[in-house]
Amino acid sequence: MAMSAGAKRAMGLAGGWALIAVSAAVSVVFFNEIKVLGRGLVGLPEPALMQSARAERTRDRPAPAGAVGRVVELKAGSHGHYYASAEINGRPIDVMVDSGASIVALTYDDAQRAGVHIRERDYTHRVNTANGQARVAPVVLDRVSVGDITVRNVPAAVSEPGRLNKSLLGMSFLSRLSRVDMRSGILVLQE
């Protein structure tokens, strides 16, 4: 059965409107991720950590029934990012959780605070960042803890002084957890 030209045009318009609706929905759901990507593409630095986000910290909870390990819930900050007060090598360091970072990345100053001392000759690798290329020093952290969750022997990198605004809790930590889940502005980490 052949379709009339009007019916074909109506179907084409309906498909176009459906594509627009899906695009709008994706934009709303992933607004913060799109914003961060856009800032990175134009080379803008990450905004400063807001006081309210700094005040918001992890909340430890026992694991739900049947779950193995500890659970830590992190509430999204004002810009949709997740921040935590971590312990790195036993010293408190504020970090931003970043599943887009392949490893834990420490600012030079945070590395010093964590007892990781870097010399100029230790900067043996180059990485691409939102702000261009940077040299980093690969290290292995003895222990990284968020709440009661602890991961040992965590591969990390220390950035050159002034090249990273905030230390990042990347996949070298997150991938060692049994669960990383985000729902309704809460990031759930489970050991």
N, C-alpha and C. Protein backbone atom coordinates (compact mmCIF):
# COMPACT_ATOMS: atom_id res chain seq x y z
N MET A 1 0.84 -1.16 0.00
CA MET A 1 0.00 0.00 0.00
C MET A 1 0.89 1.23 0.00
N ALA A 2 0.75 2.12 -0.92
CA ALA A 2 1.57 3.31 -1.07
C ALA A 2 1.08 4.40 -0.14
N MET A 3 2.06 5.17 0.41
CA MET A 3 1.71 6.29 1.29
C MET A 3 1.61 7.56 0.46
N SER A 4 0.72 8.42 0.86
CA SER A 4 0.60 9.70 0.16
C SER A 4 1.76 10.60 0.55
N ALA A 5 2.02 11.60 -0.25
CA ALA A 5 3.11 12.54 0.03
C ALA A 5 2.88 13.23 1.36
N GLY A 6 1.63 13.54 1.67
CA GLY A 6 1.31 14.20 2.95
C GLY A 6 1.63 13.31 4.14
N ALA A 7 1.32 12.01 4.01
CA ALA A 7 1.60 11.07 5.09
C ALA A 7 3.10 10.92 5.30
N LYS A 8 3.85 10.87 4.20
CA LYS A 8 5.32 10.77 4.31
C LYS A 8 5.89 12.00 5.00
N ARG A 9 5.40 13.19 4.62
CA ARG A 9 5.88 14.43 5.22
C ARG A 9 5.55 14.45 6.72
N ALA A 10 4.35 14.00 7.08
CA ALA A 10 3.94 13.97 8.49
C ALA A 10 4.82 13.02 9.28
N MET A 11 5.16 11.87 8.70
CA MET A 11 6.05 10.93 9.40
C MET A 11 7.45 11.52 9.55
N GLY A 12 7.92 12.22 8.51
CA GLY A 12 9.23 12.87 8.60
C GLY A 12 9.26 13.93 9.68
N LEU A 13 8.18 14.73 9.77
CA LEU A 13 8.10 15.76 10.82
C LEU A 13 8.05 15.13 12.20
N ALA A 14 7.27 14.05 12.33
CA ALA A 14 7.16 13.37 13.63
C ALA A 14 8.52 12.82 14.05
N GLY A 15 9.25 12.24 13.08
CA GLY A 15 10.60 11.74 13.40
C GLY A 15 11.53 12.85 13.80
N GLY A 16 11.44 13.99 13.14
CA GLY A 16 12.27 15.15 13.49
C GLY A 16 11.98 15.66 14.88
N TRP A 17 10.66 15.75 15.21
CA TRP A 17 10.29 16.21 16.55
C TRP A 17 10.73 15.20 17.61
N ALA A 18 10.65 13.91 17.30
CA ALA A 18 11.10 12.89 18.25
C ALA A 18 12.60 13.03 18.50
N LEU A 19 13.38 13.29 17.44
CA LEU A 19 14.82 13.48 17.60
C LEU A 19 15.11 14.70 18.45
N ILE A 20 14.37 15.78 18.24
CA ILE A 20 14.55 16.99 19.05
C ILE A 20 14.22 16.71 20.51
N ALA A 21 13.14 15.98 20.76
CA ALA A 21 12.74 15.65 22.13
C ALA A 21 13.80 14.79 22.82
N VAL A 22 14.31 13.79 22.13
CA VAL A 22 15.36 12.94 22.71
C VAL A 22 16.61 13.77 22.99
N SER A 23 17.00 14.63 22.06
CA SER A 23 18.18 15.50 22.26
C SER A 23 18.00 16.40 23.47
N ALA A 24 16.81 16.98 23.61
CA ALA A 24 16.54 17.84 24.77
C ALA A 24 16.61 17.05 26.07
N ALA A 25 16.04 15.84 26.08
CA ALA A 25 16.07 15.01 27.29
C ALA A 25 17.50 14.65 27.67
N VAL A 26 18.30 14.26 26.68
CA VAL A 26 19.71 13.92 26.95
C VAL A 26 20.44 15.14 27.49
N SER A 27 20.17 16.31 26.93
CA SER A 27 20.82 17.55 27.38
C SER A 27 20.47 17.87 28.82
N VAL A 28 19.22 17.64 29.21
CA VAL A 28 18.81 17.90 30.59
C VAL A 28 19.45 16.90 31.53
N VAL A 29 19.40 15.61 31.18
CA VAL A 29 19.94 14.57 32.06
C VAL A 29 21.45 14.70 32.23
N PHE A 30 22.15 15.03 31.14
CA PHE A 30 23.61 15.09 31.20
C PHE A 30 24.13 16.52 31.16
N PHE A 31 23.35 17.48 31.69
CA PHE A 31 23.72 18.89 31.63
C PHE A 31 25.11 19.14 32.22
N ASN A 32 25.35 18.62 33.43
CA ASN A 32 26.64 18.89 34.08
C ASN A 32 27.81 18.29 33.30
N GLU A 33 27.62 17.08 32.77
CA GLU A 33 28.69 16.47 31.99
C GLU A 33 28.97 17.25 30.72
N ILE A 34 27.90 17.74 30.07
CA ILE A 34 28.06 18.54 28.85
C ILE A 34 28.76 19.85 29.18
N LYS A 35 28.41 20.45 30.32
CA LYS A 35 29.04 21.70 30.74
C LYS A 35 30.53 21.50 30.98
N VAL A 36 30.89 20.43 31.68
CA VAL A 36 32.30 20.16 31.95
C VAL A 36 33.05 19.91 30.64
N LEU A 37 32.45 19.13 29.74
CA LEU A 37 33.07 18.86 28.45
C LEU A 37 33.27 20.15 27.67
N GLY A 38 32.26 21.02 27.68
CA GLY A 38 32.38 22.30 26.98
C GLY A 38 33.48 23.16 27.55
N ARG A 39 33.58 23.20 28.89
CA ARG A 39 34.66 23.99 29.53
C ARG A 39 36.02 23.42 29.12
N GLY A 40 36.11 22.09 29.07
CA GLY A 40 37.38 21.47 28.69
C GLY A 40 37.74 21.75 27.25
N LEU A 41 36.73 21.74 26.36
CA LEU A 41 37.00 21.98 24.94
C LEU A 41 37.51 23.38 24.67
N VAL A 42 37.05 24.35 25.46
CA VAL A 42 37.52 25.72 25.25
C VAL A 42 38.67 26.08 26.18
N GLY A 43 39.11 25.13 27.02
CA GLY A 43 40.29 25.33 27.86
C GLY A 43 40.05 26.15 29.10
N LEU A 44 38.79 26.25 29.57
CA LEU A 44 38.52 27.00 30.79
C LEU A 44 38.86 26.16 32.00
N PRO A 45 39.40 26.76 33.06
CA PRO A 45 39.72 25.99 34.26
C PRO A 45 38.46 25.58 35.00
N GLU A 46 38.58 24.56 35.80
CA GLU A 46 37.48 24.09 36.62
C GLU A 46 37.13 25.18 37.64
N PRO A 47 35.84 25.47 37.87
CA PRO A 47 35.48 26.50 38.84
C PRO A 47 35.97 26.14 40.23
N ALA A 48 36.17 27.15 41.04
CA ALA A 48 36.64 26.94 42.41
C ALA A 48 35.60 26.16 43.20
N LEU A 49 36.05 25.39 44.13
CA LEU A 49 35.17 24.60 44.98
C LEU A 49 34.34 25.54 45.84
N MET A 50 33.04 25.40 45.75
CA MET A 50 32.13 26.26 46.52
C MET A 50 32.20 25.87 47.99
N GLN A 51 31.97 26.86 48.89
CA GLN A 51 32.02 26.59 50.32
C GLN A 51 31.01 25.52 50.71
N SER A 52 29.81 25.57 50.10
CA SER A 52 28.81 24.58 50.47
C SER A 52 29.25 23.17 50.08
N ALA A 53 29.93 23.06 48.94
CA ALA A 53 30.42 21.74 48.52
C ALA A 53 31.55 21.30 49.44
N ARG A 54 32.38 22.25 49.89
CA ARG A 54 33.47 21.90 50.79
C ARG A 54 32.91 21.42 52.12
N ALA A 55 31.81 22.05 52.56
CA ALA A 55 31.22 21.67 53.84
C ALA A 55 30.55 20.30 53.74
N GLU A 56 30.03 19.97 52.55
CA GLU A 56 29.37 18.69 52.35
C GLU A 56 30.43 17.60 52.27
N ARG A 57 30.29 16.59 53.07
CA ARG A 57 31.30 15.54 53.13
C ARG A 57 30.64 14.18 53.00
N THR A 58 31.45 13.17 53.06
CA THR A 58 30.93 11.81 52.90
C THR A 58 30.08 11.42 54.09
N ARG A 59 29.19 10.48 53.83
CA ARG A 59 28.34 9.94 54.87
C ARG A 59 28.51 8.43 54.80
N ASP A 60 29.03 7.84 55.86
CA ASP A 60 29.23 6.39 55.89
C ASP A 60 27.94 5.71 56.29
N ARG A 61 27.71 4.60 55.67
CA ARG A 61 26.56 3.77 56.00
C ARG A 61 26.97 2.32 55.94
N PRO A 62 26.38 1.51 56.81
CA PRO A 62 26.62 0.08 56.63
C PRO A 62 26.02 -0.35 55.30
N ALA A 63 26.57 -1.38 54.74
CA ALA A 63 26.07 -1.88 53.46
C ALA A 63 24.65 -2.38 53.61
N PRO A 64 23.84 -2.24 52.55
CA PRO A 64 22.48 -2.79 52.59
C PRO A 64 22.52 -4.31 52.81
N ALA A 65 21.40 -4.86 53.27
CA ALA A 65 21.34 -6.30 53.52
C ALA A 65 21.74 -7.06 52.27
N GLY A 66 22.60 -8.03 52.43
CA GLY A 66 23.05 -8.84 51.31
C GLY A 66 24.25 -8.26 50.57
N ALA A 67 24.61 -7.01 50.86
CA ALA A 67 25.74 -6.39 50.17
C ALA A 67 27.02 -6.70 50.93
N VAL A 68 28.11 -6.70 50.21
CA VAL A 68 29.41 -6.97 50.82
C VAL A 68 30.18 -5.66 50.85
N GLY A 69 30.82 -5.33 51.97
CA GLY A 69 31.64 -4.14 52.05
C GLY A 69 30.88 -2.92 52.54
N ARG A 70 31.64 -1.85 52.75
CA ARG A 70 31.09 -0.59 53.25
C ARG A 70 30.54 0.24 52.10
N VAL A 71 29.60 1.12 52.44
CA VAL A 71 28.99 2.01 51.46
C VAL A 71 29.21 3.45 51.91
N VAL A 72 29.63 4.30 50.98
CA VAL A 72 29.76 5.73 51.23
C VAL A 72 28.90 6.44 50.19
N GLU A 73 28.10 7.38 50.65
CA GLU A 73 27.28 8.17 49.75
C GLU A 73 27.81 9.60 49.71
N LEU A 74 27.95 10.14 48.50
CA LEU A 74 28.42 11.51 48.32
C LEU A 74 27.31 12.30 47.65
N LYS A 75 26.98 13.43 48.22
CA LYS A 75 25.94 14.29 47.65
C LYS A 75 26.60 15.23 46.65
N ALA A 76 25.92 15.45 45.51
CA ALA A 76 26.46 16.34 44.47
C ALA A 76 26.59 17.76 45.02
N GLY A 77 27.69 18.43 44.64
CA GLY A 77 27.89 19.82 45.00
C GLY A 77 27.03 20.73 44.13
N SER A 78 27.16 22.02 44.32
CA SER A 78 26.30 22.98 43.62
C SER A 78 26.47 22.95 42.11
N HIS A 79 27.59 22.50 41.59
CA HIS A 79 27.79 22.42 40.15
C HIS A 79 27.61 21.00 39.61
N GLY A 80 27.08 20.11 40.45
CA GLY A 80 26.84 18.74 40.02
C GLY A 80 28.03 17.82 40.16
N HIS A 81 29.14 18.32 40.68
CA HIS A 81 30.32 17.48 40.88
C HIS A 81 30.26 16.83 42.26
N TYR A 82 30.99 15.74 42.40
CA TYR A 82 31.02 15.02 43.67
C TYR A 82 32.38 15.23 44.31
N TYR A 83 32.37 15.73 45.53
CA TYR A 83 33.59 15.99 46.28
C TYR A 83 33.63 15.10 47.50
N ALA A 84 34.84 14.76 47.92
CA ALA A 84 35.00 13.92 49.10
C ALA A 84 36.22 14.39 49.86
N SER A 85 36.19 14.15 51.15
CA SER A 85 37.36 14.34 51.98
C SER A 85 38.01 12.96 52.08
N ALA A 86 39.07 12.78 51.32
CA ALA A 86 39.75 11.48 51.29
C ALA A 86 40.93 11.50 52.26
N GLU A 87 41.40 10.34 52.59
CA GLU A 87 42.68 10.21 53.30
C GLU A 87 43.63 9.54 52.34
N ILE A 88 44.71 10.22 52.04
CA ILE A 88 45.72 9.67 51.15
C ILE A 88 46.99 9.50 51.97
N ASN A 89 47.42 8.25 52.07
CA ASN A 89 48.55 7.90 52.93
C ASN A 89 48.33 8.41 54.35
N GLY A 90 47.06 8.40 54.79
CA GLY A 90 46.73 8.77 56.16
C GLY A 90 46.55 10.26 56.39
N ARG A 91 46.62 11.07 55.34
CA ARG A 91 46.49 12.52 55.51
C ARG A 91 45.25 13.02 54.75
N PRO A 92 44.49 13.95 55.37
CA PRO A 92 43.25 14.42 54.72
C PRO A 92 43.53 15.27 53.48
N ILE A 93 42.87 14.92 52.38
CA ILE A 93 43.00 15.64 51.11
C ILE A 93 41.60 15.76 50.50
N ASP A 94 41.18 16.98 50.16
CA ASP A 94 39.90 17.17 49.47
C ASP A 94 40.09 16.82 48.00
N VAL A 95 39.18 15.99 47.47
CA VAL A 95 39.29 15.53 46.08
C VAL A 95 37.94 15.69 45.38
N MET A 96 37.99 15.72 44.06
CA MET A 96 36.79 15.66 43.26
C MET A 96 36.76 14.28 42.62
N VAL A 97 35.63 13.59 42.72
CA VAL A 97 35.48 12.27 42.11
C VAL A 97 35.35 12.49 40.60
N ASP A 98 36.20 11.82 39.83
CA ASP A 98 36.22 12.02 38.38
C ASP A 98 36.39 10.69 37.67
N SER A 99 35.27 10.12 37.22
CA SER A 99 35.34 8.84 36.52
C SER A 99 35.96 8.99 35.13
N GLY A 100 36.15 10.22 34.67
CA GLY A 100 36.81 10.45 33.39
C GLY A 100 38.32 10.47 33.51
N ALA A 101 38.83 10.48 34.73
CA ALA A 101 40.28 10.45 34.96
C ALA A 101 40.70 8.99 35.12
N SER A 102 41.67 8.56 34.35
CA SER A 102 42.06 7.14 34.39
C SER A 102 42.75 6.77 35.70
N ILE A 103 43.38 7.73 36.35
CA ILE A 103 44.06 7.43 37.62
C ILE A 103 43.76 8.55 38.62
N VAL A 104 44.15 8.32 39.85
CA VAL A 104 44.10 9.37 40.86
C VAL A 104 45.17 10.39 40.46
N ALA A 105 44.76 11.65 40.40
CA ALA A 105 45.69 12.72 40.02
C ALA A 105 45.77 13.72 41.17
N LEU A 106 46.98 13.92 41.67
CA LEU A 106 47.18 14.83 42.80
C LEU A 106 47.84 16.12 42.35
N THR A 107 47.38 17.22 42.95
CA THR A 107 48.10 18.47 42.76
C THR A 107 49.45 18.31 43.44
N TYR A 108 50.40 19.12 43.05
CA TYR A 108 51.73 19.06 43.66
C TYR A 108 51.62 19.30 45.17
N ASP A 109 50.82 20.30 45.57
CA ASP A 109 50.69 20.64 46.99
C ASP A 109 50.03 19.51 47.78
N ASP A 110 48.97 18.90 47.21
CA ASP A 110 48.32 17.79 47.92
C ASP A 110 49.26 16.59 48.04
N ALA A 111 50.08 16.36 47.04
CA ALA A 111 51.06 15.26 47.11
C ALA A 111 52.04 15.51 48.26
N GLN A 112 52.50 16.75 48.38
CA GLN A 112 53.40 17.09 49.48
C GLN A 112 52.73 16.83 50.83
N ARG A 113 51.45 17.26 50.95
CA ARG A 113 50.70 17.04 52.19
C ARG A 113 50.55 15.55 52.50
N ALA A 114 50.44 14.73 51.45
CA ALA A 114 50.27 13.27 51.64
C ALA A 114 51.62 12.56 51.83
N GLY A 115 52.69 13.32 51.90
CA GLY A 115 54.00 12.72 52.11
C GLY A 115 54.62 12.15 50.86
N VAL A 116 54.13 12.54 49.69
CA VAL A 116 54.69 12.10 48.41
C VAL A 116 55.56 13.23 47.90
N HIS A 117 56.86 13.02 47.93
CA HIS A 117 57.80 14.08 47.55
C HIS A 117 58.36 13.78 46.16
N ILE A 118 58.19 14.73 45.27
CA ILE A 118 58.54 14.59 43.87
C ILE A 118 59.72 15.49 43.54
N ARG A 119 60.64 14.95 42.77
CA ARG A 119 61.77 15.75 42.27
C ARG A 119 61.52 16.06 40.80
N GLU A 120 62.20 17.02 40.27
CA GLU A 120 62.03 17.43 38.87
C GLU A 120 62.21 16.25 37.92
N ARG A 121 63.17 15.38 38.19
CA ARG A 121 63.43 14.26 37.27
C ARG A 121 62.34 13.17 37.33
N ASP A 122 61.43 13.26 38.33
CA ASP A 122 60.34 12.28 38.44
C ASP A 122 59.22 12.52 37.42
N TYR A 123 59.18 13.69 36.82
CA TYR A 123 58.13 14.01 35.83
C TYR A 123 58.50 13.37 34.50
N THR A 124 58.13 12.11 34.36
CA THR A 124 58.56 11.32 33.20
C THR A 124 57.46 11.08 32.17
N HIS A 125 56.22 11.46 32.50
CA HIS A 125 55.11 11.22 31.57
C HIS A 125 54.42 12.53 31.21
N ARG A 126 53.83 12.53 30.02
CA ARG A 126 53.02 13.67 29.58
C ARG A 126 51.57 13.20 29.45
N VAL A 127 50.66 14.07 29.87
CA VAL A 127 49.23 13.76 29.76
C VAL A 127 48.51 14.94 29.11
N ASN A 128 47.39 14.61 28.47
CA ASN A 128 46.54 15.66 27.90
C ASN A 128 45.47 16.00 28.91
N THR A 129 45.33 17.28 29.20
CA THR A 129 44.31 17.75 30.13
C THR A 129 43.43 18.75 29.41
N ALA A 130 42.39 19.20 30.09
CA ALA A 130 41.52 20.23 29.52
C ALA A 130 42.30 21.51 29.26
N ASN A 131 43.39 21.71 29.96
CA ASN A 131 44.19 22.92 29.81
C ASN A 131 45.44 22.68 28.97
N GLY A 132 45.49 21.61 28.21
CA GLY A 132 46.65 21.32 27.38
C GLY A 132 47.50 20.21 27.96
N GLN A 133 48.70 20.06 27.44
CA GLN A 133 49.60 19.00 27.93
C GLN A 133 50.27 19.42 29.23
N ALA A 134 50.52 18.41 30.05
CA ALA A 134 51.21 18.64 31.32
C ALA A 134 52.10 17.45 31.61
N ARG A 135 53.15 17.70 32.35
CA ARG A 135 54.02 16.60 32.80
C ARG A 135 53.53 16.12 34.16
N VAL A 136 53.61 14.81 34.36
CA VAL A 136 53.23 14.21 35.63
C VAL A 136 54.29 13.22 36.07
N ALA A 137 54.29 13.00 37.37
CA ALA A 137 55.18 12.00 37.96
C ALA A 137 54.34 10.82 38.42
N PRO A 138 54.53 9.64 37.82
CA PRO A 138 53.75 8.47 38.26
C PRO A 138 54.22 8.02 39.64
N VAL A 139 53.26 7.66 40.48
CA VAL A 139 53.54 7.18 41.83
C VAL A 139 52.54 6.07 42.17
N VAL A 140 52.79 5.38 43.24
CA VAL A 140 51.83 4.43 43.79
C VAL A 140 51.57 4.87 45.22
N LEU A 141 50.30 5.15 45.52
CA LEU A 141 49.91 5.59 46.86
C LEU A 141 49.68 4.37 47.74
N ASP A 142 50.23 4.41 48.94
CA ASP A 142 50.08 3.27 49.86
C ASP A 142 48.62 2.99 50.15
N ARG A 143 47.84 4.06 50.39
CA ARG A 143 46.47 3.87 50.85
C ARG A 143 45.64 5.09 50.49
N VAL A 144 44.46 4.84 49.93
CA VAL A 144 43.48 5.91 49.67
C VAL A 144 42.18 5.48 50.33
N SER A 145 41.65 6.34 51.21
CA SER A 145 40.40 6.03 51.92
C SER A 145 39.39 7.13 51.71
N VAL A 146 38.15 6.73 51.53
CA VAL A 146 37.01 7.64 51.53
C VAL A 146 36.03 7.04 52.53
N GLY A 147 35.82 7.72 53.63
CA GLY A 147 35.02 7.13 54.70
C GLY A 147 35.69 5.86 55.17
N ASP A 148 34.93 4.79 55.29
CA ASP A 148 35.48 3.51 55.73
C ASP A 148 35.97 2.63 54.59
N ILE A 149 35.93 3.15 53.36
CA ILE A 149 36.41 2.40 52.20
C ILE A 149 37.89 2.70 52.02
N THR A 150 38.70 1.66 51.94
CA THR A 150 40.14 1.83 51.77
C THR A 150 40.63 0.95 50.63
N VAL A 151 41.44 1.56 49.75
CA VAL A 151 42.08 0.82 48.67
C VAL A 151 43.58 1.03 48.83
N ARG A 152 44.33 -0.04 48.72
CA ARG A 152 45.79 0.03 48.90
C ARG A 152 46.51 -0.08 47.55
N ASN A 153 47.74 0.44 47.53
CA ASN A 153 48.59 0.39 46.34
C ASN A 153 47.87 0.94 45.10
N VAL A 154 47.52 2.21 45.18
CA VAL A 154 46.73 2.86 44.13
C VAL A 154 47.65 3.61 43.18
N PRO A 155 47.67 3.24 41.89
CA PRO A 155 48.44 4.01 40.92
C PRO A 155 47.90 5.44 40.84
N ALA A 156 48.82 6.40 40.76
CA ALA A 156 48.43 7.81 40.73
C ALA A 156 49.47 8.60 39.95
N ALA A 157 49.19 9.87 39.79
CA ALA A 157 50.13 10.78 39.14
C ALA A 157 50.11 12.10 39.89
N VAL A 158 51.27 12.73 39.99
CA VAL A 158 51.39 14.04 40.62
C VAL A 158 51.68 15.04 39.52
N SER A 159 50.89 16.09 39.47
CA SER A 159 51.07 17.10 38.43
C SER A 159 52.18 18.06 38.81
N GLU A 160 52.69 18.74 37.79
CA GLU A 160 53.66 19.80 38.05
C GLU A 160 52.99 20.88 38.88
N PRO A 161 53.76 21.64 39.67
CA PRO A 161 53.16 22.72 40.46
C PRO A 161 52.37 23.68 39.58
N GLY A 162 51.15 24.00 40.03
CA GLY A 162 50.31 24.96 39.34
C GLY A 162 49.57 24.45 38.11
N ARG A 163 49.70 23.17 37.76
CA ARG A 163 49.06 22.65 36.54
C ARG A 163 47.71 21.99 36.77
N LEU A 164 47.37 21.67 38.00
CA LEU A 164 46.11 21.03 38.32
C LEU A 164 45.47 21.82 39.46
N ASN A 165 44.19 22.19 39.28
CA ASN A 165 43.51 23.00 40.29
C ASN A 165 43.02 22.20 41.47
N LYS A 166 42.65 20.95 41.25
CA LYS A 166 42.03 20.12 42.27
C LYS A 166 42.47 18.69 42.10
N SER A 167 42.77 18.01 43.18
CA SER A 167 43.11 16.60 43.10
C SER A 167 41.88 15.80 42.69
N LEU A 168 42.10 14.76 41.88
CA LEU A 168 41.02 13.97 41.30
C LEU A 168 41.07 12.53 41.78
N LEU A 169 39.94 12.02 42.18
CA LEU A 169 39.82 10.62 42.56
C LEU A 169 39.35 9.87 41.33
N GLY A 170 40.29 9.31 40.59
CA GLY A 170 40.00 8.70 39.30
C GLY A 170 39.80 7.19 39.37
N MET A 171 39.84 6.59 38.18
CA MET A 171 39.49 5.18 38.03
C MET A 171 40.47 4.21 38.69
N SER A 172 41.71 4.59 38.94
CA SER A 172 42.62 3.66 39.61
C SER A 172 42.13 3.37 41.03
N PHE A 173 41.30 4.24 41.59
CA PHE A 173 40.61 3.99 42.86
C PHE A 173 39.22 3.40 42.61
N LEU A 174 38.43 4.09 41.78
CA LEU A 174 37.02 3.71 41.58
C LEU A 174 36.85 2.32 41.01
N SER A 175 37.74 1.90 40.10
CA SER A 175 37.60 0.59 39.46
C SER A 175 37.86 -0.56 40.43
N ARG A 176 38.42 -0.27 41.57
CA ARG A 176 38.70 -1.32 42.55
C ARG A 176 37.54 -1.50 43.54
N LEU A 177 36.48 -0.72 43.37
CA LEU A 177 35.30 -0.86 44.22
C LEU A 177 34.34 -1.85 43.58
N SER A 178 33.47 -2.42 44.38
CA SER A 178 32.50 -3.38 43.82
C SER A 178 31.34 -2.65 43.16
N ARG A 179 31.11 -1.39 43.53
CA ARG A 179 29.99 -0.65 42.95
C ARG A 179 30.25 0.84 43.00
N VAL A 180 29.99 1.51 41.90
CA VAL A 180 29.98 2.97 41.80
C VAL A 180 28.71 3.30 41.05
N ASP A 181 27.78 3.97 41.72
CA ASP A 181 26.45 4.17 41.15
C ASP A 181 25.98 5.59 41.47
N MET A 182 25.35 6.24 40.48
CA MET A 182 24.85 7.59 40.68
C MET A 182 23.34 7.61 40.47
N ARG A 183 22.64 8.16 41.48
CA ARG A 183 21.19 8.26 41.39
C ARG A 183 20.72 9.50 42.15
N SER A 184 19.92 10.31 41.48
CA SER A 184 19.26 11.46 42.11
C SER A 184 20.22 12.35 42.90
N GLY A 185 21.35 12.67 42.30
CA GLY A 185 22.29 13.56 42.96
C GLY A 185 23.11 12.93 44.06
N ILE A 186 23.09 11.61 44.16
CA ILE A 186 23.88 10.88 45.16
C ILE A 186 24.79 9.89 44.43
N LEU A 187 26.08 9.95 44.75
CA LEU A 187 27.03 8.98 44.22
C LEU A 187 27.29 7.95 45.30
N VAL A 188 27.05 6.69 44.97
CA VAL A 188 27.21 5.60 45.93
C VAL A 188 28.48 4.84 45.60
N LEU A 189 29.37 4.76 46.57
CA LEU A 189 30.61 3.97 46.45
C LEU A 189 30.48 2.79 47.40
N GLN A 190 30.79 1.60 46.90
CA GLN A 190 30.72 0.41 47.76
C GLN A 190 31.99 -0.37 47.61
N GLU A 191 32.58 -0.72 48.76
CA GLU A 191 33.83 -1.47 48.79
C GLU A 191 33.61 -2.88 48.31
